[in-house]
Amino acid sequence: GDCKHTIVIRDMRLIHPEDVHSRAAYPIVTFQLKQRSQKCSVCKIYMAAKVTVDDKWAQDNPCYFCDYCYSLLHSKDGNL
């Protein structure tokens, strides 16, 4: 409805002969953030599969768990 979007352009320059002149090549990616995997906060061996927030059994907030450590800490008699 009444959305207003502000766009700020900080750097602008004219096209140079060394630049790619094909519009299909743009936008050009200059930086790609790498996906970082989070290890389990308990065993620090396996990759985290679950994350908890404000968990009374966890020492960190948020706390990352692999499936095995999560089931050890959050289950009783095989039930979560």
N, C-alpha and C. Protein backbone atom coordinates (compact mmCIF):
# COMPACT_ATOMS: atom_id res chain seq x y z
N GLY A 1 0.78 -1.18 0.00
CA GLY A 1 0.00 0.00 0.00
C GLY A 1 0.83 1.26 0.00
N ASP A 2 1.15 1.77 1.20
CA ASP A 2 1.87 3.04 1.32
C ASP A 2 3.34 2.83 1.66
N CYS A 3 4.00 1.88 0.99
CA CYS A 3 5.42 1.61 1.26
C CYS A 3 6.28 2.67 0.58
N LYS A 4 7.28 3.12 1.30
CA LYS A 4 8.27 4.03 0.73
C LYS A 4 9.63 3.39 0.94
N HIS A 5 10.38 3.25 -0.14
CA HIS A 5 11.71 2.63 -0.08
C HIS A 5 12.75 3.66 -0.49
N THR A 6 13.76 3.84 0.34
CA THR A 6 14.82 4.79 0.06
C THR A 6 16.05 4.03 -0.44
N ILE A 7 16.60 4.46 -1.54
CA ILE A 7 17.81 3.86 -2.10
C ILE A 7 18.89 4.92 -2.08
N VAL A 8 20.04 4.58 -1.51
CA VAL A 8 21.16 5.50 -1.43
C VAL A 8 22.29 4.95 -2.31
N ILE A 9 22.72 5.73 -3.26
CA ILE A 9 23.84 5.35 -4.13
C ILE A 9 25.06 6.12 -3.67
N ARG A 10 26.09 5.35 -3.23
CA ARG A 10 27.29 6.00 -2.69
C ARG A 10 28.36 6.24 -3.75
N ASP A 11 28.56 5.28 -4.63
CA ASP A 11 29.62 5.39 -5.63
C ASP A 11 29.04 5.18 -7.02
N MET A 12 29.40 6.06 -7.94
CA MET A 12 28.93 5.94 -9.31
C MET A 12 30.04 6.41 -10.23
N ARG A 13 30.16 5.75 -11.36
CA ARG A 13 31.16 6.17 -12.33
C ARG A 13 30.67 5.85 -13.72
N LEU A 14 31.29 6.47 -14.72
CA LEU A 14 30.94 6.19 -16.10
C LEU A 14 31.58 4.88 -16.54
N ILE A 15 31.00 4.26 -17.56
CA ILE A 15 31.54 2.99 -18.05
C ILE A 15 32.88 3.23 -18.76
N HIS A 16 33.80 2.29 -18.55
CA HIS A 16 35.13 2.37 -19.15
C HIS A 16 35.26 1.34 -20.26
N PRO A 17 36.21 1.50 -21.14
CA PRO A 17 36.39 0.51 -22.21
C PRO A 17 36.74 -0.90 -21.68
N GLU A 18 37.34 -0.98 -20.49
CA GLU A 18 37.71 -2.28 -19.92
C GLU A 18 36.52 -2.99 -19.27
N ASP A 19 35.42 -2.29 -19.04
CA ASP A 19 34.25 -2.86 -18.40
C ASP A 19 33.50 -3.79 -19.36
N VAL A 20 32.73 -4.70 -18.79
CA VAL A 20 31.86 -5.57 -19.58
C VAL A 20 30.71 -4.74 -20.11
N HIS A 21 30.45 -4.80 -21.40
CA HIS A 21 29.43 -3.96 -22.00
C HIS A 21 28.10 -4.69 -22.20
N SER A 22 28.03 -5.95 -21.80
CA SER A 22 26.79 -6.72 -21.94
C SER A 22 25.92 -6.50 -20.70
N ARG A 23 24.66 -6.14 -20.91
CA ARG A 23 23.75 -5.95 -19.78
C ARG A 23 23.45 -7.26 -19.07
N ALA A 24 23.56 -8.37 -19.78
CA ALA A 24 23.27 -9.68 -19.18
C ALA A 24 24.30 -10.04 -18.11
N ALA A 25 25.47 -9.43 -18.14
CA ALA A 25 26.53 -9.74 -17.17
C ALA A 25 26.32 -9.03 -15.83
N TYR A 26 25.37 -8.12 -15.76
CA TYR A 26 25.15 -7.34 -14.54
C TYR A 26 23.94 -7.84 -13.79
N PRO A 27 23.86 -7.72 -12.48
CA PRO A 27 24.87 -7.15 -11.58
C PRO A 27 26.04 -8.11 -11.40
N ILE A 28 27.22 -7.55 -11.29
CA ILE A 28 28.44 -8.34 -11.11
C ILE A 28 28.64 -8.56 -9.62
N VAL A 29 28.81 -9.83 -9.23
CA VAL A 29 29.03 -10.18 -7.82
C VAL A 29 30.50 -9.91 -7.50
N THR A 30 30.73 -9.04 -6.52
CA THR A 30 32.10 -8.72 -6.12
C THR A 30 32.48 -9.37 -4.81
N PHE A 31 31.49 -9.85 -4.06
CA PHE A 31 31.76 -10.50 -2.78
C PHE A 31 30.69 -11.55 -2.55
N GLN A 32 31.11 -12.74 -2.13
CA GLN A 32 30.18 -13.82 -1.83
C GLN A 32 30.48 -14.31 -0.42
N LEU A 33 29.53 -14.18 0.48
CA LEU A 33 29.69 -14.63 1.85
C LEU A 33 29.73 -16.15 1.90
N LYS A 34 30.73 -16.70 2.57
CA LYS A 34 30.84 -18.15 2.70
C LYS A 34 29.91 -18.63 3.80
N GLN A 35 29.25 -19.75 3.53
CA GLN A 35 28.42 -20.36 4.54
C GLN A 35 29.31 -20.99 5.60
N ARG A 36 29.10 -20.61 6.83
CA ARG A 36 29.89 -21.15 7.93
C ARG A 36 29.07 -22.17 8.68
N SER A 37 29.64 -23.32 8.89
CA SER A 37 28.95 -24.35 9.65
C SER A 37 29.26 -24.15 11.12
N GLN A 38 28.27 -24.38 11.94
CA GLN A 38 28.42 -24.24 13.38
C GLN A 38 28.57 -25.62 13.99
N LYS A 39 29.61 -25.80 14.80
CA LYS A 39 29.78 -27.07 15.49
C LYS A 39 28.94 -27.10 16.76
N CYS A 40 28.71 -28.31 17.23
CA CYS A 40 27.94 -28.52 18.45
C CYS A 40 28.65 -27.83 19.62
N SER A 41 27.90 -27.11 20.43
CA SER A 41 28.48 -26.39 21.58
C SER A 41 28.85 -27.33 22.71
N VAL A 42 28.33 -28.56 22.69
CA VAL A 42 28.59 -29.50 23.78
C VAL A 42 29.82 -30.35 23.46
N CYS A 43 29.77 -31.13 22.37
CA CYS A 43 30.88 -32.04 22.06
C CYS A 43 31.95 -31.37 21.22
N LYS A 44 31.62 -30.33 20.49
CA LYS A 44 32.53 -29.60 19.62
C LYS A 44 33.18 -30.50 18.56
N ILE A 45 32.48 -31.58 18.22
CA ILE A 45 32.98 -32.51 17.20
C ILE A 45 32.08 -32.49 15.97
N TYR A 46 30.79 -32.70 16.17
CA TYR A 46 29.85 -32.82 15.06
C TYR A 46 29.23 -31.47 14.72
N MET A 47 28.72 -31.38 13.50
CA MET A 47 28.04 -30.16 13.05
C MET A 47 26.69 -30.04 13.75
N ALA A 48 26.32 -28.82 14.07
CA ALA A 48 25.06 -28.58 14.77
C ALA A 48 23.88 -28.83 13.84
N ALA A 49 22.87 -29.47 14.38
CA ALA A 49 21.64 -29.72 13.64
C ALA A 49 20.47 -28.98 14.27
N LYS A 50 20.64 -28.57 15.53
CA LYS A 50 19.57 -27.88 16.25
C LYS A 50 20.16 -26.69 17.00
N VAL A 51 19.33 -25.70 17.21
CA VAL A 51 19.74 -24.53 17.99
C VAL A 51 18.62 -24.23 18.98
N THR A 52 19.00 -23.89 20.21
CA THR A 52 18.02 -23.53 21.22
C THR A 52 18.28 -22.11 21.69
N VAL A 53 17.21 -21.44 22.10
CA VAL A 53 17.29 -20.07 22.62
C VAL A 53 16.62 -20.07 23.98
N ASP A 54 17.26 -19.45 24.95
CA ASP A 54 16.76 -19.39 26.33
C ASP A 54 16.48 -20.78 26.89
N ASP A 55 17.41 -21.69 26.64
CA ASP A 55 17.29 -23.07 27.12
C ASP A 55 17.87 -23.15 28.52
N LYS A 56 17.08 -23.63 29.46
CA LYS A 56 17.56 -23.68 30.85
C LYS A 56 18.64 -24.75 31.04
N TRP A 57 18.77 -25.71 30.13
CA TRP A 57 19.78 -26.76 30.25
C TRP A 57 21.07 -26.41 29.53
N ALA A 58 21.09 -25.34 28.77
CA ALA A 58 22.28 -24.97 27.98
C ALA A 58 23.03 -23.84 28.66
N GLN A 59 24.34 -23.86 28.50
CA GLN A 59 25.15 -22.80 29.12
C GLN A 59 25.29 -21.58 28.22
N ASP A 60 25.09 -21.73 26.91
CA ASP A 60 25.18 -20.61 25.98
C ASP A 60 23.80 -20.24 25.47
N ASN A 61 23.65 -19.02 25.03
CA ASN A 61 22.39 -18.57 24.44
C ASN A 61 22.69 -17.75 23.20
N PRO A 62 22.37 -18.18 22.02
CA PRO A 62 21.80 -19.46 21.63
C PRO A 62 22.82 -20.58 21.77
N CYS A 63 22.34 -21.80 21.88
CA CYS A 63 23.21 -22.96 22.03
C CYS A 63 22.97 -23.90 20.85
N TYR A 64 24.05 -24.39 20.25
CA TYR A 64 23.98 -25.27 19.09
C TYR A 64 24.24 -26.70 19.52
N PHE A 65 23.43 -27.64 18.99
CA PHE A 65 23.52 -29.04 19.35
C PHE A 65 23.58 -29.91 18.11
N CYS A 66 24.37 -30.97 18.17
CA CYS A 66 24.23 -32.04 17.19
C CYS A 66 23.04 -32.88 17.65
N ASP A 67 22.56 -33.77 16.80
CA ASP A 67 21.39 -34.56 17.16
C ASP A 67 21.64 -35.42 18.39
N TYR A 68 22.84 -35.99 18.50
CA TYR A 68 23.15 -36.88 19.62
C TYR A 68 23.15 -36.12 20.95
N CYS A 69 23.87 -35.00 21.02
CA CYS A 69 23.94 -34.23 22.27
C CYS A 69 22.58 -33.65 22.65
N TYR A 70 21.80 -33.25 21.66
CA TYR A 70 20.47 -32.72 21.95
C TYR A 70 19.59 -33.79 22.58
N SER A 71 19.64 -35.00 22.03
CA SER A 71 18.80 -36.06 22.59
C SER A 71 19.28 -36.47 23.98
N LEU A 72 20.59 -36.42 24.22
CA LEU A 72 21.09 -36.76 25.56
C LEU A 72 20.62 -35.74 26.61
N LEU A 73 20.60 -34.49 26.25
CA LEU A 73 20.27 -33.44 27.21
C LEU A 73 18.77 -33.18 27.34
N HIS A 74 18.02 -33.41 26.28
CA HIS A 74 16.62 -33.02 26.27
C HIS A 74 15.64 -34.19 26.25
N SER A 75 16.09 -35.39 26.48
CA SER A 75 15.15 -36.51 26.48
C SER A 75 15.24 -37.27 27.79
N LYS A 76 14.15 -37.89 28.15
CA LYS A 76 14.10 -38.72 29.35
C LYS A 76 13.38 -40.00 28.95
N ASP A 77 14.03 -41.10 29.13
CA ASP A 77 13.48 -42.41 28.75
C ASP A 77 13.11 -42.48 27.28
N GLY A 78 13.90 -41.82 26.43
CA GLY A 78 13.67 -41.87 25.00
C GLY A 78 12.63 -40.89 24.49
N ASN A 79 11.99 -40.12 25.37
CA ASN A 79 10.98 -39.13 24.95
C ASN A 79 11.52 -37.72 25.16
N LEU A 80 11.29 -36.85 24.18
CA LEU A 80 11.74 -35.46 24.30
C LEU A 80 10.87 -34.71 25.27
